[in-house]
Amino acid sequence: MWVIDMQTWLDKLFFGNVVPRLKVTLKKLAEIITYATANEAGISVDVQPVCWRRPKGKACKCKLDINLDSDTDQIHWRCPACGNRGAVTGWQGECWDMTSTQLDACIILE
């Protein structure tokens, strides 16, 4: 199970040597945060994030089960097909937080 503090990972992105896999994972986490917080804010989201794992070398691509736990402010995800799962903290106020009014300084991860 992944347990990720976005603040720590963003520090690594800006101040460390970033390996390509970290960028891919950060992009997927940004999608998860955007999806969860948009649903929380009542914003309709048409595209549900998919799993990025590659069990046995083949892309999983199953839609993730995602929810925001309002008691802990953690966003949880789980892939019903391959079991990939985790929790994200430290997402509040970041540009992917759709519950925030501060959407003007978003980082685009490609």
PDB file of N, CA and C in Angstrom:
ATOM      1  N   MET A   1       0.843  -1.186   0.000  1.00  0.00           N
ATOM      2  CA  MET A   1       0.000   0.000   0.000  1.00  0.00           C
ATOM      3  C   MET A   1       0.881   1.239   0.000  1.00  0.00           C
ATOM      4  N   TRP A   2       0.578   2.156  -0.876  1.00  0.00           N
ATOM      5  CA  TRP A   2       1.260   3.438  -0.930  1.00  0.00           C
ATOM      6  C   TRP A   2       0.664   4.359   0.131  1.00  0.00           C
ATOM      7  N   VAL A   3       1.491   5.112   0.830  1.00  0.00           N
ATOM      8  CA  VAL A   3       1.036   6.193   1.696  1.00  0.00           C
ATOM      9  C   VAL A   3       1.898   7.394   1.325  1.00  0.00           C
ATOM     10  N   ILE A   4       1.293   8.384   0.702  1.00  0.00           N
ATOM     11  CA  ILE A   4       2.041   9.460   0.064  1.00  0.00           C
ATOM     12  C   ILE A   4       1.647  10.808   0.633  1.00  0.00           C
ATOM     13  N   ASP A   5       2.648  11.573   1.034  1.00  0.00           N
ATOM     14  CA  ASP A   5       2.456  12.970   1.414  1.00  0.00           C
ATOM     15  C   ASP A   5       2.888  13.803   0.211  1.00  0.00           C
ATOM     16  N   MET A   6       1.932  14.460  -0.432  1.00  0.00           N
ATOM     17  CA  MET A   6       2.226  15.202  -1.662  1.00  0.00           C
ATOM     18  C   MET A   6       3.282  16.280  -1.448  1.00  0.00           C
ATOM     19  N   GLN A   7       3.341  16.886  -0.278  1.00  0.00           N
ATOM     20  CA  GLN A   7       4.336  17.930  -0.028  1.00  0.00           C
ATOM     21  C   GLN A   7       5.750  17.371  -0.170  1.00  0.00           C
ATOM     22  N   THR A   8       5.989  16.195   0.364  1.00  0.00           N
ATOM     23  CA  THR A   8       7.301  15.559   0.274  1.00  0.00           C
ATOM     24  C   THR A   8       7.629  15.224  -1.170  1.00  0.00           C
ATOM     25  N   TRP A   9       6.684  14.664  -1.888  1.00  0.00           N
ATOM     26  CA  TRP A   9       6.927  14.287  -3.283  1.00  0.00           C
ATOM     27  C   TRP A   9       7.147  15.508  -4.159  1.00  0.00           C
ATOM     28  N   LEU A  10       6.413  16.595  -3.910  1.00  0.00           N
ATOM     29  CA  LEU A  10       6.617  17.812  -4.703  1.00  0.00           C
ATOM     30  C   LEU A  10       7.990  18.403  -4.429  1.00  0.00           C
ATOM     31  N   ASP A  11       8.454  18.319  -3.189  1.00  0.00           N
ATOM     32  CA  ASP A  11       9.819  18.770  -2.877  1.00  0.00           C
ATOM     33  C   ASP A  11      10.835  17.980  -3.686  1.00  0.00           C
ATOM     34  N   LYS A  12      10.643  16.680  -3.807  1.00  0.00           N
ATOM     35  CA  LYS A  12      11.548  15.844  -4.596  1.00  0.00           C
ATOM     36  C   LYS A  12      11.500  16.231  -6.066  1.00  0.00           C
ATOM     37  N   LEU A  13      10.311  16.581  -6.548  1.00  0.00           N
ATOM     38  CA  LEU A  13      10.161  16.963  -7.944  1.00  0.00           C
ATOM     39  C   LEU A  13      10.952  18.231  -8.251  1.00  0.00           C
ATOM     40  N   PHE A  14      10.882  19.205  -7.361  1.00  0.00           N
ATOM     41  CA  PHE A  14      11.520  20.490  -7.622  1.00  0.00           C
ATOM     42  C   PHE A  14      12.970  20.568  -7.184  1.00  0.00           C
ATOM     43  N   PHE A  15      13.356  19.809  -6.167  1.00  0.00           N
ATOM     44  CA  PHE A  15      14.696  19.982  -5.600  1.00  0.00           C
ATOM     45  C   PHE A  15      15.570  18.737  -5.685  1.00  0.00           C
ATOM     46  N   GLY A  16      15.127  17.724  -6.330  1.00  0.00           N
ATOM     47  CA  GLY A  16      15.926  16.511  -6.410  1.00  0.00           C
ATOM     48  C   GLY A  16      16.048  16.029  -7.839  1.00  0.00           C
ATOM     49  N   ASN A  17      16.807  14.975  -7.999  1.00  0.00           N
ATOM     50  CA  ASN A  17      16.893  14.334  -9.304  1.00  0.00           C
ATOM     51  C   ASN A  17      15.662  13.450  -9.457  1.00  0.00           C
ATOM     52  N   VAL A  18      14.820  13.785 -10.419  1.00  0.00           N
ATOM     53  CA  VAL A  18      13.559  13.084 -10.576  1.00  0.00           C
ATOM     54  C   VAL A  18      13.702  12.014 -11.649  1.00  0.00           C
ATOM     55  N   VAL A  19      13.389  10.811 -11.263  1.00  0.00           N
ATOM     56  CA  VAL A  19      13.398   9.720 -12.226  1.00  0.00           C
ATOM     57  C   VAL A  19      12.057   9.721 -12.966  1.00  0.00           C
ATOM     58  N   PRO A  20      12.042   9.238 -14.201  1.00  0.00           N
ATOM     59  CA  PRO A  20      10.785   9.260 -14.973  1.00  0.00           C
ATOM     60  C   PRO A  20       9.620   8.580 -14.275  1.00  0.00           C
ATOM     61  N   ARG A  21       9.867   7.510 -13.536  1.00  0.00           N
ATOM     62  CA  ARG A  21       8.779   6.809 -12.853  1.00  0.00           C
ATOM     63  C   ARG A  21       8.103   7.700 -11.805  1.00  0.00           C
ATOM     64  N   LEU A  22       8.877   8.562 -11.147  1.00  0.00           N
ATOM     65  CA  LEU A  22       8.293   9.482 -10.168  1.00  0.00           C
ATOM     66  C   LEU A  22       7.347  10.458 -10.861  1.00  0.00           C
ATOM     67  N   LYS A  23       7.739  10.953 -12.031  1.00  0.00           N
ATOM     68  CA  LYS A  23       6.868  11.870 -12.766  1.00  0.00           C
ATOM     69  C   LYS A  23       5.558  11.193 -13.161  1.00  0.00           C
ATOM     70  N   VAL A  24       5.629   9.941 -13.601  1.00  0.00           N
ATOM     71  CA  VAL A  24       4.423   9.201 -13.976  1.00  0.00           C
ATOM     72  C   VAL A  24       3.523   9.034 -12.759  1.00  0.00           C
ATOM     73  N   THR A  25       4.111   8.656 -11.641  1.00  0.00           N
ATOM     74  CA  THR A  25       3.324   8.462 -10.422  1.00  0.00           C
ATOM     75  C   THR A  25       2.712   9.777  -9.950  1.00  0.00           C
ATOM     76  N   LEU A  26       3.476  10.867 -10.002  1.00  0.00           N
ATOM     77  CA  LEU A  26       2.934  12.170  -9.608  1.00  0.00           C
ATOM     78  C   LEU A  26       1.773  12.582 -10.513  1.00  0.00           C
ATOM     79  N   LYS A  27       1.881  12.295 -11.788  1.00  0.00           N
ATOM     80  CA  LYS A  27       0.796  12.625 -12.715  1.00  0.00           C
ATOM     81  C   LYS A  27      -0.461  11.840 -12.346  1.00  0.00           C
ATOM     82  N   LYS A  28      -0.305  10.559 -12.036  1.00  0.00           N
ATOM     83  CA  LYS A  28      -1.454   9.754 -11.653  1.00  0.00           C
ATOM     84  C   LYS A  28      -2.055  10.237 -10.333  1.00  0.00           C
ATOM     85  N   LEU A  29      -1.196  10.613  -9.372  1.00  0.00           N
ATOM     86  CA  LEU A  29      -1.694  11.135  -8.096  1.00  0.00           C
ATOM     87  C   LEU A  29      -2.451  12.439  -8.306  1.00  0.00           C
ATOM     88  N   ALA A  30      -1.972  13.284  -9.200  1.00  0.00           N
ATOM     89  CA  ALA A  30      -2.674  14.530  -9.515  1.00  0.00           C
ATOM     90  C   ALA A  30      -4.067  14.226 -10.070  1.00  0.00           C
ATOM     91  N   GLU A  31      -4.170  13.212 -10.924  1.00  0.00           N
ATOM     92  CA  GLU A  31      -5.472  12.806 -11.458  1.00  0.00           C
ATOM     93  C   GLU A  31      -6.393  12.311 -10.338  1.00  0.00           C
ATOM     94  N   ILE A  32      -5.842  11.531  -9.423  1.00  0.00           N
ATOM     95  CA  ILE A  32      -6.622  11.001  -8.302  1.00  0.00           C
ATOM     96  C   ILE A  32      -7.114  12.133  -7.411  1.00  0.00           C
ATOM     97  N   ILE A  33      -6.237  13.076  -7.085  1.00  0.00           N
ATOM     98  CA  ILE A  33      -6.618  14.218  -6.236  1.00  0.00           C
ATOM     99  C   ILE A  33      -7.690  15.057  -6.923  1.00  0.00           C
ATOM    100  N   THR A  34      -7.502  15.353  -8.200  1.00  0.00           N
ATOM    101  CA  THR A  34      -8.474  16.154  -8.943  1.00  0.00           C
ATOM    102  C   THR A  34      -9.832  15.464  -8.967  1.00  0.00           C
ATOM    103  N   TYR A  35      -9.825  14.168  -9.239  1.00  0.00           N
ATOM    104  CA  TYR A  35     -11.082  13.413  -9.307  1.00  0.00           C
ATOM    105  C   TYR A  35     -11.800  13.415  -7.953  1.00  0.00           C
ATOM    106  N   ALA A  36     -11.086  13.083  -6.891  1.00  0.00           N
ATOM    107  CA  ALA A  36     -11.695  12.991  -5.557  1.00  0.00           C
ATOM    108  C   ALA A  36     -12.224  14.332  -5.078  1.00  0.00           C
ATOM    109  N   THR A  37     -11.443  15.381  -5.258  1.00  0.00           N
ATOM    110  CA  THR A  37     -11.854  16.696  -4.751  1.00  0.00           C
ATOM    111  C   THR A  37     -12.927  17.334  -5.625  1.00  0.00           C
ATOM    112  N   ALA A  38     -12.925  17.038  -6.921  1.00  0.00           N
ATOM    113  CA  ALA A  38     -13.997  17.538  -7.791  1.00  0.00           C
ATOM    114  C   ALA A  38     -15.321  16.920  -7.379  1.00  0.00           C
ATOM    115  N   ASN A  39     -15.318  15.614  -7.121  1.00  0.00           N
ATOM    116  CA  ASN A  39     -16.543  14.966  -6.642  1.00  0.00           C
ATOM    117  C   ASN A  39     -17.007  15.577  -5.326  1.00  0.00           C
ATOM    118  N   GLU A  40     -16.064  15.847  -4.430  1.00  0.00           N
ATOM    119  CA  GLU A  40     -16.387  16.463  -3.133  1.00  0.00           C
ATOM    120  C   GLU A  40     -16.995  17.855  -3.320  1.00  0.00           C
ATOM    121  N   ALA A  41     -16.500  18.599  -4.327  1.00  0.00           N
ATOM    122  CA  ALA A  41     -16.977  19.958  -4.580  1.00  0.00           C
ATOM    123  C   ALA A  41     -18.232  19.989  -5.443  1.00  0.00           C
ATOM    124  N   GLY A  42     -18.714  18.809  -5.855  1.00  0.00           N
ATOM    125  CA  GLY A  42     -19.915  18.756  -6.680  1.00  0.00           C
ATOM    126  C   GLY A  42     -19.661  19.060  -8.145  1.00  0.00           C
ATOM    127  N   ILE A  43     -18.415  18.933  -8.580  1.00  0.00           N
ATOM    128  CA  ILE A  43     -18.060  19.172  -9.975  1.00  0.00           C
ATOM    129  C   ILE A  43     -18.116  17.838 -10.709  1.00  0.00           C
ATOM    130  N   SER A  44     -18.838  17.796 -11.797  1.00  0.00           N
ATOM    131  CA  SER A  44     -18.973  16.566 -12.564  1.00  0.00           C
ATOM    132  C   SER A  44     -17.650  16.220 -13.248  1.00  0.00           C
ATOM    133  N   VAL A  45     -17.242  14.970 -13.107  1.00  0.00           N
ATOM    134  CA  VAL A  45     -16.007  14.492 -13.726  1.00  0.00           C
ATOM    135  C   VAL A  45     -16.362  13.305 -14.607  1.00  0.00           C
ATOM    136  N   ASP A  46     -16.054  13.426 -15.898  1.00  0.00           N
ATOM    137  CA  ASP A  46     -16.424  12.373 -16.843  1.00  0.00           C
ATOM    138  C   ASP A  46     -15.432  11.225 -16.899  1.00  0.00           C
ATOM    139  N   VAL A  47     -14.150  11.514 -16.638  1.00  0.00           N
ATOM    140  CA  VAL A  47     -13.111  10.501 -16.792  1.00  0.00           C
ATOM    141  C   VAL A  47     -12.595  10.076 -15.421  1.00  0.00           C
ATOM    142  N   GLN A  48     -12.775   8.805 -15.115  1.00  0.00           N
ATOM    143  CA  GLN A  48     -12.301   8.255 -13.847  1.00  0.00           C
ATOM    144  C   GLN A  48     -10.867   7.752 -14.038  1.00  0.00           C
ATOM    145  N   PRO A  49      -9.946   8.114 -13.139  1.00  0.00           N
ATOM    146  CA  PRO A  49      -8.554   7.658 -13.275  1.00  0.00           C
ATOM    147  C   PRO A  49      -8.440   6.132 -13.323  1.00  0.00           C
ATOM    148  N   VAL A  50      -7.465   5.685 -14.093  1.00  0.00           N
ATOM    149  CA  VAL A  50      -7.227   4.251 -14.230  1.00  0.00           C
ATOM    150  C   VAL A  50      -5.896   3.882 -13.585  1.00  0.00           C
ATOM    151  N   CYS A  51      -5.756   2.610 -13.282  1.00  0.00           N
ATOM    152  CA  CYS A  51      -4.545   2.088 -12.650  1.00  0.00           C
ATOM    153  C   CYS A  51      -3.356   2.205 -13.604  1.00  0.00           C
ATOM    154  N   TRP A  52      -2.190   2.435 -13.043  1.00  0.00           N
ATOM    155  CA  TRP A  52      -0.973   2.594 -13.838  1.00  0.00           C
ATOM    156  C   TRP A  52       0.014   1.443 -13.659  1.00  0.00           C
ATOM    157  N   ARG A  53      -0.336   0.489 -12.802  1.00  0.00           N
ATOM    158  CA  ARG A  53       0.571  -0.649 -12.580  1.00  0.00           C
ATOM    159  C   ARG A  53       0.655  -1.520 -13.819  1.00  0.00           C
ATOM    160  N   ARG A  54       1.731  -2.273 -13.877  1.00  0.00           N
ATOM    161  CA  ARG A  54       1.958  -3.172 -15.002  1.00  0.00           C
ATOM    162  C   ARG A  54       2.260  -4.576 -14.481  1.00  0.00           C
ATOM    163  N   PRO A  55       1.243  -5.242 -13.924  1.00  0.00           N
ATOM    164  CA  PRO A  55       1.498  -6.598 -13.440  1.00  0.00           C
ATOM    165  C   PRO A  55       1.856  -7.531 -14.604  1.00  0.00           C
ATOM    166  N   LYS A  56       2.937  -8.265 -14.413  1.00  0.00           N
ATOM    167  CA  LYS A  56       3.449  -9.194 -15.435  1.00  0.00           C
ATOM    168  C   LYS A  56       3.734  -8.489 -16.761  1.00  0.00           C
ATOM    169  N   GLY A  57       4.090  -7.193 -16.693  1.00  0.00           N
ATOM    170  CA  GLY A  57       4.476  -6.442 -17.884  1.00  0.00           C
ATOM    171  C   GLY A  57       3.327  -5.937 -18.743  1.00  0.00           C
ATOM    172  N   LYS A  58       2.106  -6.172 -18.321  1.00  0.00           N
ATOM    173  CA  LYS A  58       0.946  -5.731 -19.094  1.00  0.00           C
ATOM    174  C   LYS A  58       0.186  -4.666 -18.312  1.00  0.00           C
ATOM    175  N   ALA A  59      -0.158  -3.564 -18.982  1.00  0.00           N
ATOM    176  CA  ALA A  59      -0.858  -2.460 -18.326  1.00  0.00           C
ATOM    177  C   ALA A  59      -2.196  -2.926 -17.750  1.00  0.00           C
ATOM    178  N   CYS A  60      -2.466  -2.530 -16.504  1.00  0.00           N
ATOM    179  CA  CYS A  60      -3.713  -2.910 -15.834  1.00  0.00           C
ATOM    180  C   CYS A  60      -4.889  -2.122 -16.435  1.00  0.00           C
ATOM    181  N   LYS A  61      -4.855  -0.811 -16.370  1.00  0.00           N
ATOM    182  CA  LYS A  61      -5.855   0.095 -16.953  1.00  0.00           C
ATOM    183  C   LYS A  61      -7.276  -0.051 -16.396  1.00  0.00           C
ATOM    184  N   CYS A  62      -7.431  -0.668 -15.235  1.00  0.00           N
ATOM    185  CA  CYS A  62      -8.740  -0.787 -14.599  1.00  0.00           C
ATOM    186  C   CYS A  62      -9.090   0.538 -13.912  1.00  0.00           C
ATOM    187  N   LYS A  63     -10.349   0.911 -13.906  1.00  0.00           N
ATOM    188  CA  LYS A  63     -10.772   2.138 -13.223  1.00  0.00           C
ATOM    189  C   LYS A  63     -10.577   1.981 -11.725  1.00  0.00           C
ATOM    190  N   LEU A  64     -10.017   3.023 -11.109  1.00  0.00           N
ATOM    191  CA  LEU A  64      -9.733   3.012  -9.678  1.00  0.00           C
ATOM    192  C   LEU A  64     -10.974   3.363  -8.862  1.00  0.00           C
ATOM    193  N   ASP A  65     -11.135   2.714  -7.719  1.00  0.00           N
ATOM    194  CA  ASP A  65     -12.125   3.127  -6.725  1.00  0.00           C
ATOM    195  C   ASP A  65     -11.455   4.216  -5.892  1.00  0.00           C
ATOM    196  N   ILE A  66     -12.045   5.410  -5.849  1.00  0.00           N
ATOM    197  CA  ILE A  66     -11.419   6.564  -5.183  1.00  0.00           C
ATOM    198  C   ILE A  66     -12.426   7.193  -4.237  1.00  0.00           C
ATOM    199  N   ASN A  67     -11.958   7.507  -3.016  1.00  0.00           N
ATOM    200  CA  ASN A  67     -12.820   8.249  -2.096  1.00  0.00           C
ATOM    201  C   ASN A  67     -11.988   9.146  -1.199  1.00  0.00           C
ATOM    202  N   LEU A  68     -12.630  10.195  -0.747  1.00  0.00           N
ATOM    203  CA  LEU A  68     -12.002  11.153   0.161  1.00  0.00           C
ATOM    204  C   LEU A  68     -12.595  10.936   1.546  1.00  0.00           C
ATOM    205  N   ASP A  69     -11.750  10.628   2.501  1.00  0.00           N
ATOM    206  CA  ASP A  69     -12.180  10.430   3.884  1.00  0.00           C
ATOM    207  C   ASP A  69     -12.160  11.791   4.572  1.00  0.00           C
ATOM    208  N   SER A  70     -13.330  12.356   4.814  1.00  0.00           N
ATOM    209  CA  SER A  70     -13.405  13.706   5.381  1.00  0.00           C
ATOM    210  C   SER A  70     -12.939  13.761   6.838  1.00  0.00           C
ATOM    211  N   ASP A  71     -12.907  12.624   7.521  1.00  0.00           N
ATOM    212  CA  ASP A  71     -12.427  12.597   8.904  1.00  0.00           C
ATOM    213  C   ASP A  71     -10.902  12.744   8.977  1.00  0.00           C
ATOM    214  N   THR A  72     -10.198  12.119   8.035  1.00  0.00           N
ATOM    215  CA  THR A  72      -8.728  12.135   8.070  1.00  0.00           C
ATOM    216  C   THR A  72      -8.118  13.023   6.987  1.00  0.00           C
ATOM    217  N   ASP A  73      -8.949  13.540   6.072  1.00  0.00           N
ATOM    218  CA  ASP A  73      -8.484  14.309   4.908  1.00  0.00           C
ATOM    219  C   ASP A  73      -7.524  13.507   4.044  1.00  0.00           C
ATOM    220  N   GLN A  74      -7.690  12.206   4.020  1.00  0.00           N
ATOM    221  CA  GLN A  74      -6.903  11.352   3.139  1.00  0.00           C
ATOM    222  C   GLN A  74      -7.753  10.950   1.943  1.00  0.00           C
ATOM    223  N   ILE A  75      -7.089  10.869   0.805  1.00  0.00           N
ATOM    224  CA  ILE A  75      -7.737  10.353  -0.390  1.00  0.00           C
ATOM    225  C   ILE A  75      -7.224   8.929  -0.562  1.00  0.00           C
ATOM    226  N   HIS A  76      -8.153   7.982  -0.626  1.00  0.00           N
ATOM    227  CA  HIS A  76      -7.806   6.573  -0.771  1.00  0.00           C
ATOM    228  C   HIS A  76      -8.149   6.112  -2.182  1.00  0.00           C
ATOM    229  N   TRP A  77      -7.282   5.262  -2.733  1.00  0.00           N
ATOM    230  CA  TRP A  77      -7.599   4.638  -4.007  1.00  0.00           C
ATOM    231  C   TRP A  77      -7.297   3.156  -3.923  1.00  0.00           C
ATOM    232  N   ARG A  78      -8.008   2.405  -4.774  1.00  0.00           N
ATOM    233  CA  ARG A  78      -7.809   0.957  -4.845  1.00  0.00           C
ATOM    234  C   ARG A  78      -8.181   0.487  -6.233  1.00  0.00           C
ATOM    235  N   CYS A  79      -7.358  -0.384  -6.772  1.00  0.00           N
ATOM    236  CA  CYS A  79      -7.650  -1.006  -8.062  1.00  0.00           C
ATOM    237  C   CYS A  79      -8.289  -2.363  -7.791  1.00  0.00           C
ATOM    238  N   PRO A  80      -9.530  -2.568  -8.234  1.00  0.00           N
ATOM    239  CA  PRO A  80     -10.191  -3.842  -7.983  1.00  0.00           C
ATOM    240  C   PRO A  80      -9.573  -5.011  -8.765  1.00  0.00           C
ATOM    241  N   ALA A  81      -8.824  -4.717  -9.805  1.00  0.00           N
ATOM    242  CA  ALA A  81      -8.248  -5.787 -10.628  1.00  0.00           C
ATOM    243  C   ALA A  81      -6.908  -6.284 -10.095  1.00  0.00           C
ATOM    244  N   CYS A  82      -5.967  -5.370  -9.835  1.00  0.00           N
ATOM    245  CA  CYS A  82      -4.611  -5.810  -9.468  1.00  0.00           C
ATOM    246  C   CYS A  82      -4.264  -5.574  -8.001  1.00  0.00           C
ATOM    247  N   GLY A  83      -5.120  -4.848  -7.271  1.00  0.00           N
ATOM    248  CA  GLY A  83      -4.869  -4.626  -5.855  1.00  0.00           C
ATOM    249  C   GLY A  83      -4.023  -3.417  -5.525  1.00  0.00           C
ATOM    250  N   ASN A  84      -3.583  -2.656  -6.528  1.00  0.00           N
ATOM    251  CA  ASN A  84      -2.840  -1.420  -6.271  1.00  0.00           C
ATOM    252  C   ASN A  84      -3.709  -0.524  -5.398  1.00  0.00           C
ATOM    253  N   ARG A  85      -3.142  -0.011  -4.313  1.00  0.00           N
ATOM    254  CA  ARG A  85      -3.939   0.848  -3.428  1.00  0.00           C
ATOM    255  C   ARG A  85      -3.039   1.787  -2.668  1.00  0.00           C
ATOM    256  N   GLY A  86      -3.643   2.845  -2.148  1.00  0.00           N
ATOM    257  CA  GLY A  86      -2.859   3.786  -1.376  1.00  0.00           C
ATOM    258  C   GLY A  86      -3.699   4.907  -0.809  1.00  0.00           C
ATOM    259  N   ALA A  87      -2.999   5.812  -0.135  1.00  0.00           N
ATOM    260  CA  ALA A  87      -3.635   6.974   0.474  1.00  0.00           C
ATOM    261  C   ALA A  87      -2.740   8.181   0.236  1.00  0.00           C
ATOM    262  N   VAL A  88      -3.365   9.328  -0.014  1.00  0.00           N
ATOM    263  CA  VAL A  88      -2.635  10.569  -0.268  1.00  0.00           C
ATOM    264  C   VAL A  88      -3.005  11.587   0.804  1.00  0.00           C
ATOM    265  N   THR A  89      -1.984  12.238   1.382  1.00  0.00           N
ATOM    266  CA  THR A  89      -2.181  13.358   2.301  1.00  0.00           C
ATOM    267  C   THR A  89      -1.442  14.558   1.727  1.00  0.00           C
ATOM    268  N   GLY A  90      -1.607  15.699   2.334  1.00  0.00           N
ATOM    269  CA  GLY A  90      -0.874  16.891   1.919  1.00  0.00           C
ATOM    270  C   GLY A  90      -1.337  17.469   0.594  1.00  0.00           C
ATOM    271  N   TRP A  91      -2.544  17.163   0.177  1.00  0.00           N
ATOM    272  CA  TRP A  91      -3.065  17.637  -1.104  1.00  0.00           C
ATOM    273  C   TRP A  91      -3.844  18.952  -0.980  1.00  0.00           C
ATOM    274  N   GLN A  92      -4.220  19.302   0.243  1.00  0.00           N
ATOM    275  CA  GLN A  92      -5.053  20.479   0.454  1.00  0.00           C
ATOM    276  C   GLN A  92      -4.323  21.752  -0.006  1.00  0.00           C
ATOM    277  N   GLY A  93      -5.021  22.560  -0.773  1.00  0.00           N
ATOM    278  CA  GLY A  93      -4.468  23.833  -1.221  1.00  0.00           C
ATOM    279  C   GLY A  93      -3.576  23.732  -2.449  1.00  0.00           C
ATOM    280  N   GLU A  94      -3.245  22.516  -2.875  1.00  0.00           N
ATOM    281  CA  GLU A  94      -2.462  22.368  -4.104  1.00  0.00           C
ATOM    282  C   GLU A  94      -3.372  22.642  -5.292  1.00  0.00           C
ATOM    283  N   CYS A  95      -2.778  22.848  -6.427  1.00  0.00           N
ATOM    284  CA  CYS A  95      -3.573  23.255  -7.592  1.00  0.00           C
ATOM    285  C   CYS A  95      -4.538  22.184  -8.059  1.00  0.00           C
ATOM    286  N   TRP A  96      -4.336  20.936  -7.677  1.00  0.00           N
ATOM    287  CA  TRP A  96      -5.235  19.855  -8.082  1.00  0.00           C
ATOM    288  C   TRP A  96      -6.428  19.734  -7.142  1.00  0.00           C
ATOM    289  N   ASP A  97      -6.438  20.502  -6.070  1.00  0.00           N
ATOM    290  CA  ASP A  97      -7.516  20.489  -5.080  1.00  0.00           C
ATOM    291  C   ASP A  97      -8.679  21.308  -5.624  1.00  0.00           C
ATOM    292  N   MET A  98      -9.707  20.637  -6.107  1.00  0.00           N
ATOM    293  CA  MET A  98     -10.856  21.325  -6.699  1.00  0.00           C
ATOM    294  C   MET A  98     -11.784  21.922  -5.646  1.00  0.00           C
ATOM    295  N   THR A  99     -11.531  21.636  -4.371  1.00  0.00           N
ATOM    296  CA  THR A  99     -12.319  22.263  -3.314  1.00  0.00           C
ATOM    297  C   THR A  99     -11.752  23.628  -2.963  1.00  0.00           C
ATOM    298  N   SER A 100     -10.583  23.949  -3.489  1.00  0.00           N
ATOM    299  CA  SER A 100      -9.904  25.209  -3.207  1.00  0.00           C
ATOM    300  C   SER A 100     -10.303  26.255  -4.236  1.00  0.00           C
ATOM    301  N   THR A 101     -10.211  27.509  -3.850  1.00  0.00           N
ATOM    302  CA  THR A 101     -10.470  28.599  -4.797  1.00  0.00           C
ATOM    303  C   THR A 101      -9.186  29.081  -5.444  1.00  0.00           C
ATOM    304  N   GLN A 102      -8.054  28.524  -5.069  1.00  0.00           N
ATOM    305  CA  GLN A 102      -6.751  28.937  -5.576  1.00  0.00           C
ATOM    306  C   GLN A 102      -6.317  28.014  -6.708  1.00  0.00           C
ATOM    307  N   LEU A 103      -6.912  28.165  -7.876  1.00  0.00           N
ATOM    308  CA  LEU A 103      -6.620  27.284  -9.004  1.00  0.00           C
ATOM    309  C   LEU A 103      -5.735  27.959 -10.047  1.00  0.00           C
ATOM    310  N   ASP A 104      -5.023  29.004  -9.685  1.00  0.00           N
ATOM    311  CA  ASP A 104      -4.308  29.779 -10.692  1.00  0.00           C
ATOM    312  C   ASP A 104      -2.847  29.403 -10.871  1.00  0.00           C
ATOM    313  N   ALA A 105      -2.269  28.548 -10.043  1.00  0.00           N
ATOM    314  CA  ALA A 105      -0.836  28.243 -10.131  1.00  0.00           C
ATOM    315  C   ALA A 105      -0.595  26.748 -10.259  1.00  0.00           C
ATOM    316  N   CYS A 106      -1.303  26.124 -11.159  1.00  0.00           N
ATOM    317  CA  CYS A 106      -1.204  24.667 -11.275  1.00  0.00           C
ATOM    318  C   CYS A 106       0.034  24.246 -12.047  1.00  0.00           C
ATOM    319  N   ILE A 107       0.601  23.132 -11.615  1.00  0.00           N
ATOM    320  CA  ILE A 107       1.759  22.535 -12.272  1.00  0.00           C
ATOM    321  C   ILE A 107       1.235  21.492 -13.233  1.00  0.00           C
ATOM    322  N   ILE A 108       1.628  21.599 -14.480  1.00  0.00           N
ATOM    323  CA  ILE A 108       1.233  20.616 -15.471  1.00  0.00           C
ATOM    324  C   ILE A 108       2.327  19.567 -15.549  1.00  0.00           C
ATOM    325  N   LEU A 109       1.997  18.332 -15.263  1.00  0.00           N
ATOM    326  CA  LEU A 109       2.951  17.233 -15.312  1.00  0.00           C
ATOM    327  C   LEU A 109       2.736  16.472 -16.607  1.00  0.00           C
ATOM    328  N   GLU A 110       3.753  16.432 -17.436  1.00  0.00           N
ATOM    329  CA  GLU A 110       3.635  15.711 -18.711  1.00  0.00           C
ATOM    330  C   GLU A 110       4.548  14.540 -18.736  1.00  0.00           C
TER     331      GLU A 110
END
